[in-house]
N, C-alpha and C. Protein backbone atom coordinates (compact mmCIF):
# COMPACT_ATOMS: atom_id res chain seq x y z
N MET A 1 -71.41 12.03 -27.42
CA MET A 1 -71.94 10.70 -27.26
C MET A 1 -71.55 9.89 -28.50
N THR A 2 -71.12 8.68 -28.29
CA THR A 2 -70.70 7.86 -29.42
C THR A 2 -71.90 7.43 -30.24
N SER A 3 -71.63 7.01 -31.42
CA SER A 3 -72.69 6.55 -32.30
C SER A 3 -73.44 5.37 -31.69
N LEU A 4 -72.70 4.44 -31.07
CA LEU A 4 -73.35 3.30 -30.44
C LEU A 4 -74.25 3.77 -29.30
N ALA A 5 -73.78 4.68 -28.48
CA ALA A 5 -74.58 5.19 -27.38
C ALA A 5 -75.83 5.88 -27.91
N SER A 6 -75.68 6.62 -28.99
CA SER A 6 -76.83 7.30 -29.58
C SER A 6 -77.85 6.29 -30.09
N ARG A 7 -77.36 5.24 -30.71
CA ARG A 7 -78.27 4.20 -31.22
C ARG A 7 -78.97 3.47 -30.07
N LEU A 8 -78.24 3.21 -28.99
CA LEU A 8 -78.84 2.57 -27.83
C LEU A 8 -79.90 3.46 -27.20
N LEU A 9 -79.60 4.74 -27.12
CA LEU A 9 -80.55 5.69 -26.55
C LEU A 9 -81.81 5.77 -27.42
N ASP A 10 -81.63 5.76 -28.73
CA ASP A 10 -82.79 5.74 -29.64
C ASP A 10 -83.62 4.49 -29.39
N PHE A 11 -82.96 3.35 -29.24
CA PHE A 11 -83.67 2.09 -28.98
C PHE A 11 -84.48 2.18 -27.69
N VAL A 12 -83.85 2.64 -26.62
CA VAL A 12 -84.53 2.72 -25.32
C VAL A 12 -85.72 3.67 -25.40
N ASP A 13 -85.52 4.84 -26.00
CA ASP A 13 -86.62 5.80 -26.11
C ASP A 13 -87.77 5.26 -26.96
N GLU A 14 -87.43 4.58 -28.05
CA GLU A 14 -88.47 3.98 -28.89
C GLU A 14 -89.21 2.87 -28.14
N ARG A 15 -88.48 2.06 -27.40
CA ARG A 15 -89.11 0.99 -26.64
C ARG A 15 -90.04 1.55 -25.56
N LEU A 16 -89.61 2.61 -24.89
CA LEU A 16 -90.48 3.26 -23.90
C LEU A 16 -91.77 3.74 -24.56
N GLU A 17 -91.64 4.37 -25.72
CA GLU A 17 -92.82 4.86 -26.44
C GLU A 17 -93.74 3.71 -26.82
N HIS A 18 -93.18 2.64 -27.33
CA HIS A 18 -94.00 1.49 -27.72
C HIS A 18 -94.74 0.90 -26.51
N MET A 19 -94.04 0.81 -25.40
CA MET A 19 -94.67 0.24 -24.21
C MET A 19 -95.82 1.12 -23.72
N LEU A 20 -95.66 2.42 -23.81
CA LEU A 20 -96.72 3.32 -23.36
C LEU A 20 -97.88 3.38 -24.35
N GLU A 21 -97.58 3.17 -25.63
CA GLU A 21 -98.62 3.20 -26.66
C GLU A 21 -99.42 1.91 -26.72
N ALA A 22 -98.79 0.77 -26.51
CA ALA A 22 -99.46 -0.53 -26.61
C ALA A 22 -99.08 -1.40 -25.42
N PRO A 23 -99.52 -1.03 -24.23
CA PRO A 23 -99.09 -1.73 -23.03
C PRO A 23 -99.52 -3.20 -22.96
N LEU A 24 -100.64 -3.55 -23.55
CA LEU A 24 -101.11 -4.93 -23.47
C LEU A 24 -100.15 -5.92 -24.12
N MET A 25 -99.33 -5.44 -25.03
CA MET A 25 -98.36 -6.31 -25.70
C MET A 25 -97.19 -6.66 -24.79
N TRP A 26 -97.05 -5.97 -23.66
CA TRP A 26 -95.86 -6.11 -22.83
C TRP A 26 -96.11 -6.81 -21.50
N GLY A 27 -97.31 -7.32 -21.30
CA GLY A 27 -97.57 -8.10 -20.09
C GLY A 27 -98.49 -7.40 -19.12
N SER A 28 -98.42 -7.85 -17.89
CA SER A 28 -99.28 -7.30 -16.84
C SER A 28 -98.85 -5.89 -16.48
N GLY A 29 -99.69 -5.20 -15.71
CA GLY A 29 -99.36 -3.85 -15.27
C GLY A 29 -98.06 -3.79 -14.51
N GLU A 30 -97.86 -4.73 -13.59
CA GLU A 30 -96.63 -4.74 -12.81
C GLU A 30 -95.42 -5.02 -13.69
N SER A 31 -95.57 -5.90 -14.67
CA SER A 31 -94.48 -6.22 -15.59
C SER A 31 -94.11 -4.99 -16.41
N ILE A 32 -95.10 -4.28 -16.91
CA ILE A 32 -94.84 -3.07 -17.69
C ILE A 32 -94.13 -2.04 -16.83
N GLU A 33 -94.62 -1.85 -15.62
CA GLU A 33 -94.01 -0.89 -14.70
C GLU A 33 -92.53 -1.19 -14.47
N LEU A 34 -92.22 -2.44 -14.18
CA LEU A 34 -90.84 -2.82 -13.91
C LEU A 34 -89.96 -2.72 -15.15
N GLN A 35 -90.52 -3.06 -16.32
CA GLN A 35 -89.75 -2.93 -17.57
C GLN A 35 -89.44 -1.47 -17.87
N ILE A 36 -90.40 -0.60 -17.64
CA ILE A 36 -90.19 0.83 -17.88
C ILE A 36 -89.12 1.37 -16.94
N LEU A 37 -89.18 0.97 -15.68
CA LEU A 37 -88.15 1.41 -14.73
C LEU A 37 -86.77 0.93 -15.15
N GLN A 38 -86.69 -0.29 -15.61
CA GLN A 38 -85.40 -0.83 -16.04
C GLN A 38 -84.90 -0.10 -17.29
N LEU A 39 -85.79 0.20 -18.22
CA LEU A 39 -85.38 0.96 -19.40
C LEU A 39 -84.91 2.37 -19.02
N LEU A 40 -85.56 2.98 -18.04
CA LEU A 40 -85.14 4.31 -17.59
C LEU A 40 -83.76 4.23 -16.92
N GLU A 41 -83.49 3.14 -16.20
CA GLU A 41 -82.15 2.97 -15.62
C GLU A 41 -81.11 2.82 -16.73
N LEU A 42 -81.44 2.04 -17.73
CA LEU A 42 -80.53 1.86 -18.87
C LEU A 42 -80.31 3.19 -19.59
N ARG A 43 -81.37 3.95 -19.75
CA ARG A 43 -81.27 5.27 -20.40
C ARG A 43 -80.33 6.18 -19.61
N ALA A 44 -80.47 6.19 -18.29
CA ALA A 44 -79.60 7.02 -17.45
C ALA A 44 -78.14 6.56 -17.55
N LEU A 45 -77.93 5.26 -17.62
CA LEU A 45 -76.58 4.72 -17.75
C LEU A 45 -75.96 5.11 -19.09
N ILE A 46 -76.74 5.10 -20.15
CA ILE A 46 -76.24 5.49 -21.46
C ILE A 46 -75.89 6.97 -21.48
N LEU A 47 -76.74 7.78 -20.86
CA LEU A 47 -76.51 9.23 -20.85
C LEU A 47 -75.29 9.61 -20.03
N GLU A 48 -75.05 8.91 -18.93
CA GLU A 48 -73.92 9.23 -18.05
C GLU A 48 -73.20 7.95 -17.65
N PRO A 49 -72.45 7.34 -18.57
CA PRO A 49 -71.83 6.05 -18.28
C PRO A 49 -70.84 6.08 -17.12
N ALA A 50 -70.23 7.21 -16.85
CA ALA A 50 -69.24 7.28 -15.78
C ALA A 50 -69.86 7.50 -14.41
N HIS A 51 -71.14 7.81 -14.36
CA HIS A 51 -71.79 8.11 -13.08
C HIS A 51 -72.81 7.03 -12.73
N THR A 52 -72.41 6.07 -11.92
CA THR A 52 -73.34 5.01 -11.53
C THR A 52 -74.49 5.56 -10.70
N ALA A 53 -74.29 6.71 -10.08
CA ALA A 53 -75.36 7.30 -9.27
C ALA A 53 -76.56 7.68 -10.14
N SER A 54 -76.32 8.00 -11.41
CA SER A 54 -77.43 8.44 -12.27
C SER A 54 -78.47 7.34 -12.48
N TRP A 55 -78.02 6.12 -12.77
CA TRP A 55 -79.01 5.07 -12.99
C TRP A 55 -79.55 4.53 -11.68
N ARG A 56 -78.78 4.64 -10.61
CA ARG A 56 -79.29 4.20 -9.31
C ARG A 56 -80.31 5.18 -8.75
N ALA A 57 -80.36 6.37 -9.29
CA ALA A 57 -81.29 7.39 -8.80
C ALA A 57 -82.70 7.19 -9.32
N VAL A 58 -82.88 6.37 -10.34
CA VAL A 58 -84.20 6.20 -10.93
C VAL A 58 -85.19 5.66 -9.89
N GLN A 59 -84.82 4.63 -9.15
CA GLN A 59 -85.75 4.04 -8.18
C GLN A 59 -86.14 5.04 -7.09
N PRO A 60 -85.17 5.72 -6.43
CA PRO A 60 -85.59 6.71 -5.42
C PRO A 60 -86.43 7.85 -6.01
N GLU A 61 -86.11 8.27 -7.23
CA GLU A 61 -86.91 9.31 -7.88
C GLU A 61 -88.32 8.81 -8.15
N TYR A 62 -88.44 7.54 -8.52
CA TYR A 62 -89.76 6.95 -8.76
C TYR A 62 -90.55 6.86 -7.45
N GLU A 63 -89.88 6.46 -6.40
CA GLU A 63 -90.55 6.38 -5.10
C GLU A 63 -91.03 7.76 -4.65
N GLY A 64 -90.21 8.79 -4.88
CA GLY A 64 -90.61 10.16 -4.56
C GLY A 64 -91.78 10.62 -5.42
N PHE A 65 -91.74 10.26 -6.69
CA PHE A 65 -92.81 10.59 -7.63
C PHE A 65 -94.13 9.97 -7.16
N LEU A 66 -94.09 8.69 -6.77
CA LEU A 66 -95.30 8.03 -6.29
C LEU A 66 -95.77 8.61 -4.96
N ALA A 67 -94.83 8.96 -4.09
CA ALA A 67 -95.19 9.52 -2.78
C ALA A 67 -95.94 10.84 -2.93
N THR A 68 -95.61 11.62 -3.96
CA THR A 68 -96.34 12.89 -4.15
C THR A 68 -97.74 12.65 -4.72
N ARG A 69 -97.92 11.58 -5.45
CA ARG A 69 -99.23 11.29 -6.04
C ARG A 69 -100.12 10.45 -5.13
N PHE A 70 -99.49 9.70 -4.25
CA PHE A 70 -100.25 8.85 -3.32
C PHE A 70 -99.72 9.06 -1.90
N PRO A 71 -99.99 10.23 -1.32
CA PRO A 71 -99.45 10.54 0.01
C PRO A 71 -99.91 9.51 1.05
N GLY A 72 -98.97 9.07 1.85
CA GLY A 72 -99.27 8.12 2.93
C GLY A 72 -99.39 6.68 2.49
N ALA A 73 -99.26 6.41 1.18
CA ALA A 73 -99.37 5.03 0.69
C ALA A 73 -98.10 4.27 1.06
N PRO A 74 -98.23 2.95 1.27
CA PRO A 74 -97.04 2.15 1.59
C PRO A 74 -96.13 2.05 0.37
N PRO A 75 -94.83 1.85 0.57
CA PRO A 75 -93.91 1.71 -0.57
C PRO A 75 -94.14 0.38 -1.29
N THR A 76 -94.77 0.46 -2.43
CA THR A 76 -95.05 -0.72 -3.24
C THR A 76 -95.12 -0.29 -4.71
N THR A 77 -95.42 -1.20 -5.57
CA THR A 77 -95.49 -0.87 -7.00
C THR A 77 -96.73 -0.02 -7.29
N LEU A 78 -96.67 0.71 -8.35
CA LEU A 78 -97.79 1.54 -8.77
C LEU A 78 -99.00 0.67 -9.07
N SER A 79 -98.77 -0.45 -9.72
CA SER A 79 -99.90 -1.33 -10.06
C SER A 79 -100.59 -1.83 -8.79
N ALA A 80 -99.84 -2.08 -7.73
CA ALA A 80 -100.45 -2.49 -6.46
C ALA A 80 -101.19 -1.32 -5.81
N LEU A 81 -100.63 -0.13 -5.90
CA LEU A 81 -101.29 1.05 -5.34
C LEU A 81 -102.62 1.34 -6.03
N LEU A 82 -102.66 1.14 -7.34
CA LEU A 82 -103.88 1.45 -8.09
C LEU A 82 -104.97 0.42 -7.88
N GLY A 83 -104.62 -0.81 -7.58
CA GLY A 83 -105.63 -1.84 -7.36
C GLY A 83 -106.52 -2.00 -8.58
N ALA A 84 -107.80 -1.75 -8.39
CA ALA A 84 -108.78 -1.93 -9.47
C ALA A 84 -108.72 -0.80 -10.50
N ARG A 85 -108.01 0.26 -10.23
CA ARG A 85 -107.93 1.41 -11.14
C ARG A 85 -106.75 1.28 -12.11
N GLN A 86 -106.54 0.12 -12.69
CA GLN A 86 -105.41 -0.13 -13.58
C GLN A 86 -105.42 0.73 -14.83
N ASP A 87 -106.58 1.31 -15.16
CA ASP A 87 -106.64 2.18 -16.33
C ASP A 87 -105.80 3.45 -16.13
N GLN A 88 -105.42 3.76 -14.90
CA GLN A 88 -104.60 4.92 -14.59
C GLN A 88 -103.10 4.61 -14.65
N LEU A 89 -102.74 3.34 -14.76
CA LEU A 89 -101.33 2.93 -14.72
C LEU A 89 -100.50 3.59 -15.82
N ILE A 90 -100.91 3.46 -17.06
CA ILE A 90 -100.12 3.97 -18.18
C ILE A 90 -100.02 5.50 -18.15
N PRO A 91 -101.10 6.23 -17.88
CA PRO A 91 -100.95 7.69 -17.80
C PRO A 91 -99.97 8.13 -16.70
N VAL A 92 -99.98 7.47 -15.56
CA VAL A 92 -99.05 7.83 -14.48
C VAL A 92 -97.62 7.47 -14.87
N LEU A 93 -97.43 6.29 -15.47
CA LEU A 93 -96.10 5.90 -15.92
C LEU A 93 -95.59 6.86 -17.01
N ALA A 94 -96.48 7.27 -17.89
CA ALA A 94 -96.09 8.22 -18.94
C ALA A 94 -95.64 9.54 -18.33
N GLN A 95 -96.29 9.98 -17.26
CA GLN A 95 -95.87 11.20 -16.57
C GLN A 95 -94.47 11.04 -15.98
N PHE A 96 -94.19 9.86 -15.41
CA PHE A 96 -92.86 9.64 -14.84
C PHE A 96 -91.80 9.58 -15.93
N VAL A 97 -92.10 8.92 -17.03
CA VAL A 97 -91.15 8.87 -18.15
C VAL A 97 -90.87 10.28 -18.64
N GLN A 98 -91.91 11.09 -18.79
CA GLN A 98 -91.74 12.48 -19.23
C GLN A 98 -90.89 13.26 -18.22
N ALA A 99 -91.13 13.05 -16.93
CA ALA A 99 -90.34 13.74 -15.90
C ALA A 99 -88.88 13.31 -15.96
N GLN A 100 -88.62 12.03 -16.20
CA GLN A 100 -87.25 11.55 -16.31
C GLN A 100 -86.54 12.13 -17.53
N ARG A 101 -87.27 12.20 -18.63
CA ARG A 101 -86.67 12.78 -19.85
C ARG A 101 -86.35 14.26 -19.64
N ALA A 102 -87.21 14.96 -18.92
CA ALA A 102 -86.96 16.38 -18.65
C ALA A 102 -85.79 16.54 -17.68
N ALA A 103 -85.71 15.67 -16.68
CA ALA A 103 -84.63 15.75 -15.69
C ALA A 103 -83.30 15.28 -16.25
N HIS A 104 -83.34 14.37 -17.21
CA HIS A 104 -82.13 13.79 -17.80
C HIS A 104 -82.24 13.83 -19.32
N PRO A 105 -82.13 15.03 -19.90
CA PRO A 105 -82.31 15.15 -21.36
C PRO A 105 -81.11 14.61 -22.13
N ARG A 106 -81.36 14.31 -23.37
CA ARG A 106 -80.27 13.93 -24.26
C ARG A 106 -79.37 15.13 -24.44
N ALA A 107 -78.10 14.90 -24.58
CA ALA A 107 -77.14 15.99 -24.74
C ALA A 107 -77.43 16.76 -26.02
N SER A 108 -77.34 18.07 -25.94
CA SER A 108 -77.61 18.88 -27.11
C SER A 108 -76.57 18.65 -28.20
N THR A 109 -75.35 18.27 -27.81
CA THR A 109 -74.30 18.03 -28.80
C THR A 109 -74.48 16.69 -29.50
N GLU A 110 -75.27 15.80 -28.92
CA GLU A 110 -75.44 14.48 -29.51
C GLU A 110 -76.05 14.57 -30.91
N ARG A 111 -76.96 15.50 -31.09
CA ARG A 111 -77.66 15.61 -32.35
C ARG A 111 -76.71 15.79 -33.51
N ASN A 112 -75.61 16.50 -33.30
CA ASN A 112 -74.67 16.77 -34.38
C ASN A 112 -73.41 15.91 -34.32
N ALA A 113 -73.37 14.96 -33.43
CA ALA A 113 -72.14 14.17 -33.24
C ALA A 113 -71.71 13.46 -34.52
N ASP A 114 -72.64 12.86 -35.22
CA ASP A 114 -72.27 12.16 -36.46
C ASP A 114 -71.78 13.13 -37.52
N GLU A 115 -72.43 14.29 -37.62
CA GLU A 115 -71.99 15.29 -38.59
C GLU A 115 -70.59 15.80 -38.26
N ILE A 116 -70.31 15.98 -36.99
CA ILE A 116 -68.99 16.44 -36.57
C ILE A 116 -67.93 15.41 -36.96
N ARG A 117 -68.21 14.13 -36.74
CA ARG A 117 -67.26 13.09 -37.12
C ARG A 117 -67.01 13.08 -38.63
N VAL A 118 -68.04 13.30 -39.42
CA VAL A 118 -67.88 13.34 -40.88
C VAL A 118 -67.00 14.53 -41.27
N VAL A 119 -67.27 15.70 -40.69
CA VAL A 119 -66.47 16.89 -41.00
C VAL A 119 -65.02 16.67 -40.58
N GLU A 120 -64.81 16.09 -39.40
CA GLU A 120 -63.44 15.82 -38.94
C GLU A 120 -62.73 14.88 -39.91
N ARG A 121 -63.43 13.88 -40.40
CA ARG A 121 -62.83 12.94 -41.36
C ARG A 121 -62.50 13.65 -42.67
N LEU A 122 -63.38 14.52 -43.14
CA LEU A 122 -63.11 15.26 -44.37
C LEU A 122 -61.91 16.18 -44.19
N LEU A 123 -61.81 16.82 -43.03
CA LEU A 123 -60.65 17.68 -42.77
C LEU A 123 -59.36 16.87 -42.77
N GLU A 124 -59.41 15.69 -42.19
CA GLU A 124 -58.22 14.83 -42.17
C GLU A 124 -57.85 14.42 -43.59
N LEU A 125 -58.84 14.06 -44.39
CA LEU A 125 -58.56 13.72 -45.79
C LEU A 125 -57.98 14.91 -46.53
N GLY A 126 -58.47 16.11 -46.24
CA GLY A 126 -57.94 17.33 -46.86
C GLY A 126 -56.51 17.58 -46.45
N ARG A 127 -56.19 17.33 -45.17
CA ARG A 127 -54.80 17.51 -44.70
C ARG A 127 -53.87 16.55 -45.42
N VAL A 128 -54.27 15.29 -45.51
CA VAL A 128 -53.45 14.29 -46.19
C VAL A 128 -53.27 14.67 -47.65
N ALA A 129 -54.36 15.07 -48.30
CA ALA A 129 -54.27 15.47 -49.71
C ALA A 129 -53.39 16.71 -49.84
N GLY A 130 -53.48 17.62 -48.90
CA GLY A 130 -52.67 18.84 -48.93
C GLY A 130 -51.19 18.53 -48.78
N GLN A 131 -50.86 17.56 -47.95
CA GLN A 131 -49.46 17.18 -47.79
C GLN A 131 -48.91 16.58 -49.07
N ARG A 132 -49.73 15.86 -49.80
CA ARG A 132 -49.29 15.29 -51.07
C ARG A 132 -49.11 16.36 -52.14
N GLU A 133 -49.83 17.47 -52.01
CA GLU A 133 -49.83 18.51 -53.01
C GLU A 133 -48.72 19.55 -52.83
N THR A 134 -48.01 19.57 -51.72
CA THR A 134 -47.05 20.64 -51.46
C THR A 134 -45.94 20.72 -52.50
N GLY A 135 -45.59 19.64 -53.14
CA GLY A 135 -44.51 19.67 -54.13
C GLY A 135 -44.97 19.97 -55.53
N ARG A 136 -46.25 20.13 -55.77
CA ARG A 136 -46.76 20.38 -57.12
C ARG A 136 -46.56 21.84 -57.52
N ARG A 137 -46.49 22.08 -58.83
CA ARG A 137 -46.28 23.44 -59.36
C ARG A 137 -47.49 24.34 -59.14
N ASP A 138 -48.69 23.75 -59.04
CA ASP A 138 -49.88 24.58 -58.92
C ASP A 138 -50.22 24.89 -57.46
N THR A 139 -49.22 24.75 -56.57
CA THR A 139 -49.41 25.16 -55.18
C THR A 139 -48.47 26.31 -54.89
N HIS A 140 -48.79 27.03 -53.89
CA HIS A 140 -47.95 28.16 -53.50
C HIS A 140 -47.54 27.94 -52.05
N GLY A 141 -46.37 27.37 -51.83
CA GLY A 141 -45.91 27.09 -50.47
C GLY A 141 -46.83 26.10 -49.78
N ASP A 142 -47.28 26.44 -48.61
CA ASP A 142 -48.20 25.59 -47.87
C ASP A 142 -49.66 25.84 -48.26
N ARG A 143 -49.87 26.81 -49.09
CA ARG A 143 -51.23 27.19 -49.47
C ARG A 143 -51.66 26.39 -50.69
N LEU A 144 -52.72 25.62 -50.55
CA LEU A 144 -53.20 24.75 -51.60
C LEU A 144 -54.08 25.51 -52.58
N VAL A 145 -53.82 25.32 -53.86
CA VAL A 145 -54.60 26.01 -54.88
C VAL A 145 -55.75 25.15 -55.36
N ARG A 146 -55.49 23.86 -55.56
CA ARG A 146 -56.52 22.98 -56.12
C ARG A 146 -56.88 21.87 -55.15
N LEU A 147 -57.31 22.20 -53.99
CA LEU A 147 -57.69 21.21 -52.99
C LEU A 147 -58.92 20.42 -53.43
N MET A 148 -59.88 21.08 -54.02
CA MET A 148 -61.13 20.42 -54.38
C MET A 148 -60.92 19.30 -55.40
N GLU A 149 -59.95 19.42 -56.31
CA GLU A 149 -59.70 18.36 -57.28
C GLU A 149 -59.22 17.10 -56.59
N THR A 150 -58.47 17.22 -55.54
CA THR A 150 -57.93 16.04 -54.88
C THR A 150 -58.98 15.31 -54.04
N LEU A 151 -60.06 15.99 -53.65
CA LEU A 151 -61.09 15.36 -52.83
C LEU A 151 -62.14 14.65 -53.68
N ARG A 152 -62.11 14.82 -54.98
CA ARG A 152 -63.13 14.20 -55.84
C ARG A 152 -62.90 12.73 -55.99
């Protein structure tokens, strides 16, 4: 995952957390619900940019999630299904966010992506420095004797 994608994913995940922690700052129940769904679609798009099916799957997965919790209920928003029980909105949305994160986790390689890029850059600098050193007396053929001095 690119650094930009990683930063975007961090932003989306942080925004989801903020919305679930302080929902009153984000508007009505229906507004929060729709914003969370949109953020989950964006998260899916960031995780799998080449697969448009991944972000389009959020809505059907949400409908299935609601159908299991409210059997026989008409297809509508969670806030409409809850009616006067709006205090249950955020806990149910938090469960769906958790289910989405479990179903679509961040790539395990993403965590080290920046470190890998740094190591690759250092190796490239070492190769360039090594090529400059091949003609020096303190080298032995292609084998570098004082590589560390050139990287300082």
